Amino acid sequence: QVQLVESGGGLVQAGGSLRLSCAASRTIDSIYFMGWYRQAPGKQRELVATITSGGRTNYADSVKGRFTISRDNAKSTVYLQMNTLKPEDTAVYYCKAIYSGYVDWGQGTQVTVCS
């Protein structure tokens, strides 16, 4: 099992930027799939962005062109760079890892975008 710890959330004005980090408790070289999801109040958790061990990325349509996911295997960390933030991006953001039949989630970090 791998423990995931998110950080970098906070309060930002619309149009601003934040960078989220997801630090893993062990090397992520062998973790095929890592991703960021978010859950707004009263809504279901939704995919934001994913990245494979080979660097293939996938984004929700709502964040394409604004968010960038990346991974630094040497630091066992996955990042989510969020630019041009909108109030509708307000949510708790969660990190997810899928590997060897396991699925692990972080505890989440709150992102609040005010207009």
PDB file of N, CA and C in Angstrom:
ATOM      1  N   GLN A   1       0.843  -1.183   0.000  1.00  0.00           N
ATOM      2  CA  GLN A   1       0.000   0.000   0.000  1.00  0.00           C
ATOM      3  C   GLN A   1       0.887   1.245   0.000  1.00  0.00           C
ATOM      4  N   VAL A   2       0.409   2.273  -0.708  1.00  0.00           N
ATOM      5  CA  VAL A   2       1.157   3.520  -0.740  1.00  0.00           C
ATOM      6  C   VAL A   2       0.306   4.613  -0.126  1.00  0.00           C
ATOM      7  N   GLN A   3       0.891   5.418   0.725  1.00  0.00           N
ATOM      8  CA  GLN A   3       0.196   6.558   1.308  1.00  0.00           C
ATOM      9  C   GLN A   3       0.436   7.786   0.442  1.00  0.00           C
ATOM     10  N   LEU A   4      -0.640   8.532   0.228  1.00  0.00           N
ATOM     11  CA  LEU A   4      -0.581   9.719  -0.618  1.00  0.00           C
ATOM     12  C   LEU A   4      -0.968  10.930   0.220  1.00  0.00           C
ATOM     13  N   VAL A   5      -0.171  11.972   0.151  1.00  0.00           N
ATOM     14  CA  VAL A   5      -0.432  13.186   0.911  1.00  0.00           C
ATOM     15  C   VAL A   5      -0.466  14.375  -0.043  1.00  0.00           C
ATOM     16  N   GLU A   6      -1.647  14.982  -0.137  1.00  0.00           N
ATOM     17  CA  GLU A   6      -1.806  16.150  -0.999  1.00  0.00           C
ATOM     18  C   GLU A   6      -1.479  17.429  -0.233  1.00  0.00           C
ATOM     19  N   SER A   7      -1.021  18.417  -0.960  1.00  0.00           N
ATOM     20  CA  SER A   7      -0.761  19.731  -0.390  1.00  0.00           C
ATOM     21  C   SER A   7      -0.850  20.774  -1.498  1.00  0.00           C
ATOM     22  N   GLY A   8      -0.887  22.030  -1.089  1.00  0.00           N
ATOM     23  CA  GLY A   8      -0.881  23.112  -2.063  1.00  0.00           C
ATOM     24  C   GLY A   8      -2.214  23.788  -2.279  1.00  0.00           C
ATOM     25  N   GLY A   9      -3.263  23.263  -1.657  1.00  0.00           N
ATOM     26  CA  GLY A   9      -4.565  23.892  -1.809  1.00  0.00           C
ATOM     27  C   GLY A   9      -4.618  25.215  -1.065  1.00  0.00           C
ATOM     28  N   GLY A  10      -5.706  25.939  -1.284  1.00  0.00           N
ATOM     29  CA  GLY A  10      -5.873  27.214  -0.607  1.00  0.00           C
ATOM     30  C   GLY A  10      -6.944  28.047  -1.242  1.00  0.00           C
ATOM     31  N   LEU A  11      -6.955  29.314  -0.858  1.00  0.00           N
ATOM     32  CA  LEU A  11      -7.929  30.275  -1.369  1.00  0.00           C
ATOM     33  C   LEU A  11      -7.243  31.160  -2.402  1.00  0.00           C
ATOM     34  N   VAL A  12      -7.873  31.295  -3.551  1.00  0.00           N
ATOM     35  CA  VAL A  12      -7.283  32.093  -4.620  1.00  0.00           C
ATOM     36  C   VAL A  12      -8.392  32.821  -5.364  1.00  0.00           C
ATOM     37  N   GLN A  13      -8.060  33.950  -5.921  1.00  0.00           N
ATOM     38  CA  GLN A  13      -9.044  34.683  -6.708  1.00  0.00           C
ATOM     39  C   GLN A  13      -9.157  34.089  -8.112  1.00  0.00           C
ATOM     40  N   ALA A  14     -10.304  34.276  -8.705  1.00  0.00           N
ATOM     41  CA  ALA A  14     -10.516  33.816 -10.072  1.00  0.00           C
ATOM     42  C   ALA A  14      -9.429  34.397 -10.979  1.00  0.00           C
ATOM     43  N   GLY A  15      -8.919  33.534 -11.860  1.00  0.00           N
ATOM     44  CA  GLY A  15      -7.833  33.936 -12.743  1.00  0.00           C
ATOM     45  C   GLY A  15      -6.459  33.609 -12.201  1.00  0.00           C
ATOM     46  N   GLY A  16      -6.400  33.234 -10.929  1.00  0.00           N
ATOM     47  CA  GLY A  16      -5.136  32.925 -10.299  1.00  0.00           C
ATOM     48  C   GLY A  16      -4.672  31.499 -10.559  1.00  0.00           C
ATOM     49  N   SER A  17      -3.576  31.135  -9.904  1.00  0.00           N
ATOM     50  CA  SER A  17      -2.973  29.822 -10.101  1.00  0.00           C
ATOM     51  C   SER A  17      -2.637  29.168  -8.768  1.00  0.00           C
ATOM     52  N   LEU A  18      -2.633  27.856  -8.793  1.00  0.00           N
ATOM     53  CA  LEU A  18      -2.174  27.055  -7.663  1.00  0.00           C
ATOM     54  C   LEU A  18      -1.467  25.829  -8.226  1.00  0.00           C
ATOM     55  N   ARG A  19      -0.534  25.294  -7.436  1.00  0.00           N
ATOM     56  CA  ARG A  19       0.081  24.027  -7.799  1.00  0.00           C
ATOM     57  C   ARG A  19      -0.127  23.042  -6.657  1.00  0.00           C
ATOM     58  N   LEU A  20      -0.804  21.965  -6.966  1.00  0.00           N
ATOM     59  CA  LEU A  20      -1.026  20.905  -5.990  1.00  0.00           C
ATOM     60  C   LEU A  20       0.076  19.866  -6.101  1.00  0.00           C
ATOM     61  N   SER A  21       0.428  19.298  -4.972  1.00  0.00           N
ATOM     62  CA  SER A  21       1.423  18.227  -4.935  1.00  0.00           C
ATOM     63  C   SER A  21       0.822  16.998  -4.264  1.00  0.00           C
ATOM     64  N   CYS A  22       1.208  15.855  -4.735  1.00  0.00           N
ATOM     65  CA  CYS A  22       0.790  14.578  -4.143  1.00  0.00           C
ATOM     66  C   CYS A  22       2.060  13.774  -3.896  1.00  0.00           C
ATOM     67  N   ALA A  23       2.442  13.691  -2.636  1.00  0.00           N
ATOM     68  CA  ALA A  23       3.667  12.985  -2.268  1.00  0.00           C
ATOM     69  C   ALA A  23       3.340  11.560  -1.856  1.00  0.00           C
ATOM     70  N   ALA A  24       4.025  10.612  -2.462  1.00  0.00           N
ATOM     71  CA  ALA A  24       3.801   9.197  -2.164  1.00  0.00           C
ATOM     72  C   ALA A  24       4.820   8.703  -1.144  1.00  0.00           C
ATOM     73  N   SER A  25       4.406   7.690  -0.387  1.00  0.00           N
ATOM     74  CA  SER A  25       5.264   7.167   0.689  1.00  0.00           C
ATOM     75  C   SER A  25       6.362   6.251   0.174  1.00  0.00           C
ATOM     76  N   ARG A  26       6.292   5.904  -1.093  1.00  0.00           N
ATOM     77  CA  ARG A  26       7.346   5.090  -1.687  1.00  0.00           C
ATOM     78  C   ARG A  26       7.512   5.475  -3.150  1.00  0.00           C
ATOM     79  N   THR A  27       8.468   4.879  -3.787  1.00  0.00           N
ATOM     80  CA  THR A  27       8.727   5.192  -5.179  1.00  0.00           C
ATOM     81  C   THR A  27       7.490   4.955  -6.042  1.00  0.00           C
ATOM     82  N   ILE A  28       7.302   5.838  -7.004  1.00  0.00           N
ATOM     83  CA  ILE A  28       6.139   5.711  -7.862  1.00  0.00           C
ATOM     84  C   ILE A  28       6.503   5.225  -9.257  1.00  0.00           C
ATOM     85  N   ASP A  29       7.756   4.822  -9.445  1.00  0.00           N
ATOM     86  CA  ASP A  29       8.190   4.394 -10.768  1.00  0.00           C
ATOM     87  C   ASP A  29       7.310   3.277 -11.331  1.00  0.00           C
ATOM     88  N   SER A  30       6.906   2.382 -10.452  1.00  0.00           N
ATOM     89  CA  SER A  30       6.148   1.219 -10.895  1.00  0.00           C
ATOM     90  C   SER A  30       4.638   1.423 -10.822  1.00  0.00           C
ATOM     91  N   ILE A  31       4.230   2.594 -10.392  1.00  0.00           N
ATOM     92  CA  ILE A  31       2.794   2.874 -10.312  1.00  0.00           C
ATOM     93  C   ILE A  31       2.321   3.344 -11.673  1.00  0.00           C
ATOM     94  N   TYR A  32       1.524   2.499 -12.323  1.00  0.00           N
ATOM     95  CA  TYR A  32       1.139   2.775 -13.701  1.00  0.00           C
ATOM     96  C   TYR A  32       0.282   4.029 -13.818  1.00  0.00           C
ATOM     97  N   PHE A  33      -0.662   4.177 -12.919  1.00  0.00           N
ATOM     98  CA  PHE A  33      -1.681   5.206 -13.073  1.00  0.00           C
ATOM     99  C   PHE A  33      -1.748   6.084 -11.832  1.00  0.00           C
ATOM    100  N   MET A  34      -1.624   7.369 -12.050  1.00  0.00           N
ATOM    101  CA  MET A  34      -1.847   8.325 -10.958  1.00  0.00           C
ATOM    102  C   MET A  34      -2.712   9.445 -11.495  1.00  0.00           C
ATOM    103  N   GLY A  35      -3.541   9.967 -10.612  1.00  0.00           N
ATOM    104  CA  GLY A  35      -4.446  10.989 -11.101  1.00  0.00           C
ATOM    105  C   GLY A  35      -4.939  11.920 -10.021  1.00  0.00           C
ATOM    106  N   TRP A  36      -5.555  12.981 -10.473  1.00  0.00           N
ATOM    107  CA  TRP A  36      -6.202  13.960  -9.607  1.00  0.00           C
ATOM    108  C   TRP A  36      -7.704  13.920  -9.888  1.00  0.00           C
ATOM    109  N   TYR A  37      -8.466  13.904  -8.808  1.00  0.00           N
ATOM    110  CA  TYR A  37      -9.916  13.957  -8.871  1.00  0.00           C
ATOM    111  C   TYR A  37     -10.360  15.085  -7.963  1.00  0.00           C
ATOM    112  N   ARG A  38     -11.602  15.502  -8.131  1.00  0.00           N
ATOM    113  CA  ARG A  38     -12.124  16.545  -7.246  1.00  0.00           C
ATOM    114  C   ARG A  38     -13.591  16.286  -6.929  1.00  0.00           C
ATOM    115  N   GLN A  39     -13.996  16.820  -5.789  1.00  0.00           N
ATOM    116  CA  GLN A  39     -15.386  16.677  -5.369  1.00  0.00           C
ATOM    117  C   GLN A  39     -15.862  17.993  -4.781  1.00  0.00           C
ATOM    118  N   ALA A  40     -16.845  18.572  -5.435  1.00  0.00           N
ATOM    119  CA  ALA A  40     -17.458  19.799  -4.944  1.00  0.00           C
ATOM    120  C   ALA A  40     -18.628  19.439  -4.039  1.00  0.00           C
ATOM    121  N   PRO A  41     -19.038  20.346  -3.155  1.00  0.00           N
ATOM    122  CA  PRO A  41     -20.156  20.061  -2.244  1.00  0.00           C
ATOM    123  C   PRO A  41     -21.414  19.659  -3.015  1.00  0.00           C
ATOM    124  N   GLY A  42     -21.997  18.551  -2.619  1.00  0.00           N
ATOM    125  CA  GLY A  42     -23.222  18.097  -3.241  1.00  0.00           C
ATOM    126  C   GLY A  42     -23.041  17.427  -4.588  1.00  0.00           C
ATOM    127  N   LYS A  43     -21.810  17.239  -4.996  1.00  0.00           N
ATOM    128  CA  LYS A  43     -21.556  16.627  -6.299  1.00  0.00           C
ATOM    129  C   LYS A  43     -20.718  15.366  -6.143  1.00  0.00           C
ATOM    130  N   GLN A  44     -20.742  14.546  -7.192  1.00  0.00           N
ATOM    131  CA  GLN A  44     -19.933  13.334  -7.181  1.00  0.00           C
ATOM    132  C   GLN A  44     -18.472  13.666  -7.474  1.00  0.00           C
ATOM    133  N   ARG A  45     -17.607  12.790  -7.011  1.00  0.00           N
ATOM    134  CA  ARG A  45     -16.195  12.955  -7.304  1.00  0.00           C
ATOM    135  C   ARG A  45     -15.987  12.760  -8.806  1.00  0.00           C
ATOM    136  N   GLU A  46     -15.167  13.617  -9.398  1.00  0.00           N
ATOM    137  CA  GLU A  46     -14.944  13.552 -10.834  1.00  0.00           C
ATOM    138  C   GLU A  46     -13.467  13.590 -11.168  1.00  0.00           C
ATOM    139  N   LEU A  47     -13.147  13.000 -12.311  1.00  0.00           N
ATOM    140  CA  LEU A  47     -11.777  12.988 -12.783  1.00  0.00           C
ATOM    141  C   LEU A  47     -11.375  14.386 -13.228  1.00  0.00           C
ATOM    142  N   VAL A  48     -10.147  14.761 -12.871  1.00  0.00           N
ATOM    143  CA  VAL A  48      -9.590  16.035 -13.327  1.00  0.00           C
ATOM    144  C   VAL A  48      -8.495  15.769 -14.358  1.00  0.00           C
ATOM    145  N   ALA A  49      -7.510  14.953 -13.956  1.00  0.00           N
ATOM    146  CA  ALA A  49      -6.391  14.669 -14.852  1.00  0.00           C
ATOM    147  C   ALA A  49      -5.705  13.393 -14.391  1.00  0.00           C
ATOM    148  N   THR A  50      -5.165  12.652 -15.349  1.00  0.00           N
ATOM    149  CA  THR A  50      -4.437  11.431 -15.024  1.00  0.00           C
ATOM    150  C   THR A  50      -3.134  11.380 -15.803  1.00  0.00           C
ATOM    151  N   ILE A  51      -2.211  10.583 -15.290  1.00  0.00           N
ATOM    152  CA  ILE A  51      -0.931  10.402 -15.975  1.00  0.00           C
ATOM    153  C   ILE A  51      -0.454   8.983 -15.745  1.00  0.00           C
ATOM    154  N   THR A  52       0.041   8.352 -16.791  1.00  0.00           N
ATOM    155  CA  THR A  52       0.553   6.998 -16.666  1.00  0.00           C
ATOM    156  C   THR A  52       2.064   7.025 -16.412  1.00  0.00           C
ATOM    157  N   SER A  53       2.607   5.864 -16.121  1.00  0.00           N
ATOM    158  CA  SER A  53       4.050   5.770 -15.893  1.00  0.00           C
ATOM    159  C   SER A  53       4.837   6.141 -17.144  1.00  0.00           C
ATOM    160  N   GLY A  54       4.194   5.996 -18.293  1.00  0.00           N
ATOM    161  CA  GLY A  54       4.841   6.363 -19.547  1.00  0.00           C
ATOM    162  C   GLY A  54       4.669   7.818 -19.925  1.00  0.00           C
ATOM    163  N   GLY A  55       3.952   8.550 -19.076  1.00  0.00           N
ATOM    164  CA  GLY A  55       3.780   9.979 -19.314  1.00  0.00           C
ATOM    165  C   GLY A  55       2.541  10.358 -20.103  1.00  0.00           C
ATOM    166  N   ARG A  56       1.695   9.384 -20.437  1.00  0.00           N
ATOM    167  CA  ARG A  56       0.471   9.699 -21.160  1.00  0.00           C
ATOM    168  C   ARG A  56      -0.487  10.414 -20.219  1.00  0.00           C
ATOM    169  N   THR A  57      -1.052  11.510 -20.681  1.00  0.00           N
ATOM    170  CA  THR A  57      -1.947  12.299 -19.842  1.00  0.00           C
ATOM    171  C   THR A  57      -3.354  12.334 -20.413  1.00  0.00           C
ATOM    172  N   ASN A  58      -4.286  12.600 -19.514  1.00  0.00           N
ATOM    173  CA  ASN A  58      -5.681  12.714 -19.903  1.00  0.00           C
ATOM    174  C   ASN A  58      -6.315  13.777 -19.019  1.00  0.00           C
ATOM    175  N   TYR A  59      -7.178  14.614 -19.595  1.00  0.00           N
ATOM    176  CA  TYR A  59      -7.788  15.704 -18.849  1.00  0.00           C
ATOM    177  C   TYR A  59      -9.292  15.745 -19.056  1.00  0.00           C
ATOM    178  N   ALA A  60      -9.973  16.189 -18.021  1.00  0.00           N
ATOM    179  CA  ALA A  60     -11.388  16.493 -18.178  1.00  0.00           C
ATOM    180  C   ALA A  60     -11.515  17.692 -19.122  1.00  0.00           C
ATOM    181  N   ASP A  61     -12.584  17.698 -19.906  1.00  0.00           N
ATOM    182  CA  ASP A  61     -12.770  18.798 -20.849  1.00  0.00           C
ATOM    183  C   ASP A  61     -12.791  20.158 -20.148  1.00  0.00           C
ATOM    184  N   SER A  62     -13.313  20.182 -18.951  1.00  0.00           N
ATOM    185  CA  SER A  62     -13.467  21.447 -18.230  1.00  0.00           C
ATOM    186  C   SER A  62     -12.142  22.078 -17.818  1.00  0.00           C
ATOM    187  N   VAL A  63     -11.060  21.301 -17.829  1.00  0.00           N
ATOM    188  CA  VAL A  63      -9.765  21.837 -17.380  1.00  0.00           C
ATOM    189  C   VAL A  63      -8.706  21.847 -18.474  1.00  0.00           C
ATOM    190  N   LYS A  64      -9.042  21.306 -19.634  1.00  0.00           N
ATOM    191  CA  LYS A  64      -8.071  21.265 -20.731  1.00  0.00           C
ATOM    192  C   LYS A  64      -7.595  22.670 -21.080  1.00  0.00           C
ATOM    193  N   GLY A  65      -6.290  22.797 -21.232  1.00  0.00           N
ATOM    194  CA  GLY A  65      -5.714  24.092 -21.554  1.00  0.00           C
ATOM    195  C   GLY A  65      -5.427  24.959 -20.341  1.00  0.00           C
ATOM    196  N   ARG A  66      -5.937  24.578 -19.189  1.00  0.00           N
ATOM    197  CA  ARG A  66      -5.715  25.359 -17.963  1.00  0.00           C
ATOM    198  C   ARG A  66      -4.890  24.596 -16.933  1.00  0.00           C
ATOM    199  N   PHE A  67      -5.098  23.279 -16.848  1.00  0.00           N
ATOM    200  CA  PHE A  67      -4.411  22.452 -15.854  1.00  0.00           C
ATOM    201  C   PHE A  67      -3.373  21.579 -16.548  1.00  0.00           C
ATOM    202  N   THR A  68      -2.298  21.296 -15.824  1.00  0.00           N
ATOM    203  CA  THR A  68      -1.262  20.399 -16.329  1.00  0.00           C
ATOM    204  C   THR A  68      -0.843  19.436 -15.227  1.00  0.00           C
ATOM    205  N   ILE A  69      -0.913  18.154 -15.538  1.00  0.00           N
ATOM    206  CA  ILE A  69      -0.469  17.131 -14.585  1.00  0.00           C
ATOM    207  C   ILE A  69       0.932  16.672 -14.971  1.00  0.00           C
ATOM    208  N   SER A  70       1.747  16.416 -13.968  1.00  0.00           N
ATOM    209  CA  SER A  70       3.101  15.929 -14.218  1.00  0.00           C
ATOM    210  C   SER A  70       3.526  15.041 -13.055  1.00  0.00           C
ATOM    211  N   ARG A  71       4.548  14.253 -13.281  1.00  0.00           N
ATOM    212  CA  ARG A  71       5.052  13.386 -12.221  1.00  0.00           C
ATOM    213  C   ARG A  71       6.567  13.456 -12.182  1.00  0.00           C
ATOM    214  N   ASP A  72       7.118  13.472 -10.983  1.00  0.00           N
ATOM    215  CA  ASP A  72       8.551  13.454 -10.760  1.00  0.00           C
ATOM    216  C   ASP A  72       8.869  12.181  -9.993  1.00  0.00           C
ATOM    217  N   ASN A  73       9.282  11.152 -10.716  1.00  0.00           N
ATOM    218  CA  ASN A  73       9.528   9.864 -10.073  1.00  0.00           C
ATOM    219  C   ASN A  73      10.648   9.959  -9.033  1.00  0.00           C
ATOM    220  N   ALA A  74      11.627  10.809  -9.279  1.00  0.00           N
ATOM    221  CA  ALA A  74      12.737  10.940  -8.325  1.00  0.00           C
ATOM    222  C   ALA A  74      12.259  11.472  -6.981  1.00  0.00           C
ATOM    223  N   LYS A  75      11.205  12.274  -7.012  1.00  0.00           N
ATOM    224  CA  LYS A  75      10.654  12.836  -5.775  1.00  0.00           C
ATOM    225  C   LYS A  75       9.393  12.112  -5.334  1.00  0.00           C
ATOM    226  N   SER A  76       9.017  11.079  -6.076  1.00  0.00           N
ATOM    227  CA  SER A  76       7.804  10.314  -5.744  1.00  0.00           C
ATOM    228  C   SER A  76       6.599  11.245  -5.594  1.00  0.00           C
ATOM    229  N   THR A  77       6.485  12.176  -6.490  1.00  0.00           N
ATOM    230  CA  THR A  77       5.463  13.218  -6.372  1.00  0.00           C
ATOM    231  C   THR A  77       4.785  13.449  -7.717  1.00  0.00           C
ATOM    232  N   VAL A  78       3.486  13.659  -7.640  1.00  0.00           N
ATOM    233  CA  VAL A  78       2.687  14.043  -8.796  1.00  0.00           C
ATOM    234  C   VAL A  78       2.168  15.455  -8.549  1.00  0.00           C
ATOM    235  N   TYR A  79       2.191  16.258  -9.581  1.00  0.00           N
ATOM    236  CA  TYR A  79       1.778  17.659  -9.454  1.00  0.00           C
ATOM    237  C   TYR A  79       0.556  17.940 -10.327  1.00  0.00           C
ATOM    238  N   LEU A  80      -0.165  18.969  -9.931  1.00  0.00           N
ATOM    239  CA  LEU A  80      -1.242  19.492 -10.760  1.00  0.00           C
ATOM    240  C   LEU A  80      -1.096  21.008 -10.767  1.00  0.00           C
ATOM    241  N   GLN A  81      -0.632  21.526 -11.881  1.00  0.00           N
ATOM    242  CA  GLN A  81      -0.536  22.967 -12.046  1.00  0.00           C
ATOM    243  C   GLN A  81      -1.874  23.483 -12.563  1.00  0.00           C
ATOM    244  N   MET A  82      -2.475  24.387 -11.822  1.00  0.00           N
ATOM    245  CA  MET A  82      -3.797  24.898 -12.167  1.00  0.00           C
ATOM    246  C   MET A  82      -3.699  26.395 -12.443  1.00  0.00           C
ATOM    247  N   ASN A  83      -3.985  26.774 -13.659  1.00  0.00           N
ATOM    248  CA  ASN A  83      -3.950  28.174 -14.063  1.00  0.00           C
ATOM    249  C   ASN A  83      -5.345  28.646 -14.453  1.00  0.00           C
ATOM    250  N   THR A  84      -5.485  29.945 -14.502  1.00  0.00           N
ATOM    251  CA  THR A  84      -6.767  30.561 -14.887  1.00  0.00           C
ATOM    252  C   THR A  84      -7.924  29.911 -14.126  1.00  0.00           C
ATOM    253  N   LEU A  85      -7.783  29.853 -12.838  1.00  0.00           N
ATOM    254  CA  LEU A  85      -8.796  29.192 -12.007  1.00  0.00           C
ATOM    255  C   LEU A  85     -10.121  29.930 -12.059  1.00  0.00           C
ATOM    256  N   LYS A  86     -11.182  29.136 -11.963  1.00  0.00           N
ATOM    257  CA  LYS A  86     -12.552  29.653 -12.004  1.00  0.00           C
ATOM    258  C   LYS A  86     -13.272  29.257 -10.718  1.00  0.00           C
ATOM    259  N   PRO A  87     -14.301  29.988 -10.340  1.00  0.00           N
ATOM    260  CA  PRO A  87     -15.058  29.615  -9.135  1.00  0.00           C
ATOM    261  C   PRO A  87     -15.573  28.171  -9.200  1.00  0.00           C
ATOM    262  N   GLU A  88     -15.899  27.686 -10.375  1.00  0.00           N
ATOM    263  CA  GLU A  88     -16.392  26.318 -10.497  1.00  0.00           C
ATOM    264  C   GLU A  88     -15.302  25.262 -10.302  1.00  0.00           C
ATOM    265  N   ASP A  89     -14.072  25.683 -10.152  1.00  0.00           N
ATOM    266  CA  ASP A  89     -12.993  24.748  -9.814  1.00  0.00           C
ATOM    267  C   ASP A  89     -12.931  24.488  -8.306  1.00  0.00           C
ATOM    268  N   THR A  90     -13.726  25.200  -7.537  1.00  0.00           N
ATOM    269  CA  THR A  90     -13.749  25.016  -6.095  1.00  0.00           C
ATOM    270  C   THR A  90     -14.180  23.597  -5.745  1.00  0.00           C
ATOM    271  N   ALA A  91     -13.347  22.914  -4.971  1.00  0.00           N
ATOM    272  CA  ALA A  91     -13.608  21.515  -4.612  1.00  0.00           C
ATOM    273  C   ALA A  91     -12.489  21.018  -3.703  1.00  0.00           C
ATOM    274  N   VAL A  92     -12.702  19.837  -3.170  1.00  0.00           N
ATOM    275  CA  VAL A  92     -11.607  19.115  -2.524  1.00  0.00           C
ATOM    276  C   VAL A  92     -10.941  18.276  -3.611  1.00  0.00           C
ATOM    277  N   TYR A  93      -9.641  18.404  -3.721  1.00  0.00           N
ATOM    278  CA  TYR A  93      -8.885  17.693  -4.747  1.00  0.00           C
ATOM    279  C   TYR A  93      -8.166  16.501  -4.112  1.00  0.00           C
ATOM    280  N   TYR A  94      -8.345  15.343  -4.740  1.00  0.00           N
ATOM    281  CA  TYR A  94      -7.796  14.091  -4.238  1.00  0.00           C
ATOM    282  C   TYR A  94      -6.809  13.496  -5.234  1.00  0.00           C
ATOM    283  N   CYS A  95      -5.789  12.880  -4.693  1.00  0.00           N
ATOM    284  CA  CYS A  95      -4.807  12.151  -5.492  1.00  0.00           C
ATOM    285  C   CYS A  95      -5.145  10.665  -5.441  1.00  0.00           C
ATOM    286  N   LYS A  96      -4.948   9.982  -6.548  1.00  0.00           N
ATOM    287  CA  LYS A  96      -5.281   8.558  -6.638  1.00  0.00           C
ATOM    288  C   LYS A  96      -4.142   7.817  -7.323  1.00  0.00           C
ATOM    289  N   ALA A  97      -3.882   6.615  -6.832  1.00  0.00           N
ATOM    290  CA  ALA A  97      -2.872   5.759  -7.453  1.00  0.00           C
ATOM    291  C   ALA A  97      -3.451   4.367  -7.668  1.00  0.00           C
ATOM    292  N   ILE A  98      -3.201   3.805  -8.841  1.00  0.00           N
ATOM    293  CA  ILE A  98      -3.634   2.449  -9.156  1.00  0.00           C
ATOM    294  C   ILE A  98      -2.397   1.646  -9.557  1.00  0.00           C
ATOM    295  N   TYR A  99      -2.194   0.509  -8.907  1.00  0.00           N
ATOM    296  CA  TYR A  99      -1.016  -0.306  -9.162  1.00  0.00           C
ATOM    297  C   TYR A  99      -1.241  -1.695  -8.620  1.00  0.00           C
ATOM    298  N   SER A 100      -0.794  -2.680  -9.370  1.00  0.00           N
ATOM    299  CA  SER A 100      -0.808  -4.079  -8.920  1.00  0.00           C
ATOM    300  C   SER A 100      -2.129  -4.484  -8.277  1.00  0.00           C
ATOM    301  N   GLY A 101      -3.219  -3.993  -8.817  1.00  0.00           N
ATOM    302  CA  GLY A 101      -4.515  -4.355  -8.281  1.00  0.00           C
ATOM    303  C   GLY A 101      -4.961  -3.540  -7.078  1.00  0.00           C
ATOM    304  N   TYR A 102      -4.151  -2.610  -6.635  1.00  0.00           N
ATOM    305  CA  TYR A 102      -4.521  -1.760  -5.497  1.00  0.00           C
ATOM    306  C   TYR A 102      -4.971  -0.385  -5.992  1.00  0.00           C
ATOM    307  N   VAL A 103      -5.825   0.227  -5.186  1.00  0.00           N
ATOM    308  CA  VAL A 103      -6.257   1.599  -5.418  1.00  0.00           C
ATOM    309  C   VAL A 103      -6.107   2.363  -4.114  1.00  0.00           C
ATOM    310  N   ASP A 104      -5.323   3.424  -4.137  1.00  0.00           N
ATOM    311  CA  ASP A 104      -5.132   4.236  -2.934  1.00  0.00           C
ATOM    312  C   ASP A 104      -5.506   5.678  -3.219  1.00  0.00           C
ATOM    313  N   TRP A 105      -6.056   6.330  -2.194  1.00  0.00           N
ATOM    314  CA  TRP A 105      -6.459   7.729  -2.273  1.00  0.00           C
ATOM    315  C   TRP A 105      -5.756   8.525  -1.177  1.00  0.00           C
ATOM    316  N   GLY A 106      -5.519   9.781  -1.470  1.00  0.00           N
ATOM    317  CA  GLY A 106      -5.052  10.691  -0.445  1.00  0.00           C
ATOM    318  C   GLY A 106      -6.226  11.247   0.336  1.00  0.00           C
ATOM    319  N   GLN A 107      -5.924  12.115   1.300  1.00  0.00           N
ATOM    320  CA  GLN A 107      -6.977  12.658   2.170  1.00  0.00           C
ATOM    321  C   GLN A 107      -7.630  13.892   1.577  1.00  0.00           C
ATOM    322  N   GLY A 108      -7.039  14.460   0.548  1.00  0.00           N
ATOM    323  CA  GLY A 108      -7.617  15.605  -0.131  1.00  0.00           C
ATOM    324  C   GLY A 108      -7.068  16.932   0.351  1.00  0.00           C
ATOM    325  N   THR A 109      -7.154  17.922  -0.529  1.00  0.00           N
ATOM    326  CA  THR A 109      -6.764  19.284  -0.192  1.00  0.00           C
ATOM    327  C   THR A 109      -7.802  20.234  -0.782  1.00  0.00           C
ATOM    328  N   GLN A 110      -8.209  21.209   0.016  1.00  0.00           N
ATOM    329  CA  GLN A 110      -9.280  22.101  -0.397  1.00  0.00           C
ATOM    330  C   GLN A 110      -8.754  23.207  -1.309  1.00  0.00           C
ATOM    331  N   VAL A 111      -9.456  23.418  -2.405  1.00  0.00           N
ATOM    332  CA  VAL A 111      -9.179  24.541  -3.304  1.00  0.00           C
ATOM    333  C   VAL A 111     -10.437  25.386  -3.366  1.00  0.00           C
ATOM    334  N   THR A 112     -10.307  26.656  -3.050  1.00  0.00           N
ATOM    335  CA  THR A 112     -11.437  27.573  -3.099  1.00  0.00           C
ATOM    336  C   THR A 112     -11.078  28.744  -3.994  1.00  0.00           C
ATOM    337  N   VAL A 113     -11.911  28.968  -5.004  1.00  0.00           N
ATOM    338  CA  VAL A 113     -11.676  30.053  -5.956  1.00  0.00           C
ATOM    339  C   VAL A 113     -12.802  31.064  -5.790  1.00  0.00           C
ATOM    340  N   CYS A 114     -12.442  32.275  -5.433  1.00  0.00           N
ATOM    341  CA  CYS A 114     -13.455  33.312  -5.227  1.00  0.00           C
ATOM    342  C   CYS A 114     -13.483  34.248  -6.431  1.00  0.00           C
ATOM    343  N   SER A 115     -14.681  34.743  -6.706  1.00  0.00           N
ATOM    344  CA  SER A 115     -14.859  35.626  -7.873  1.00  0.00           C
ATOM    345  C   SER A 115     -14.636  37.079  -7.507  1.00  0.00           C
TER     346      SER A 115
END
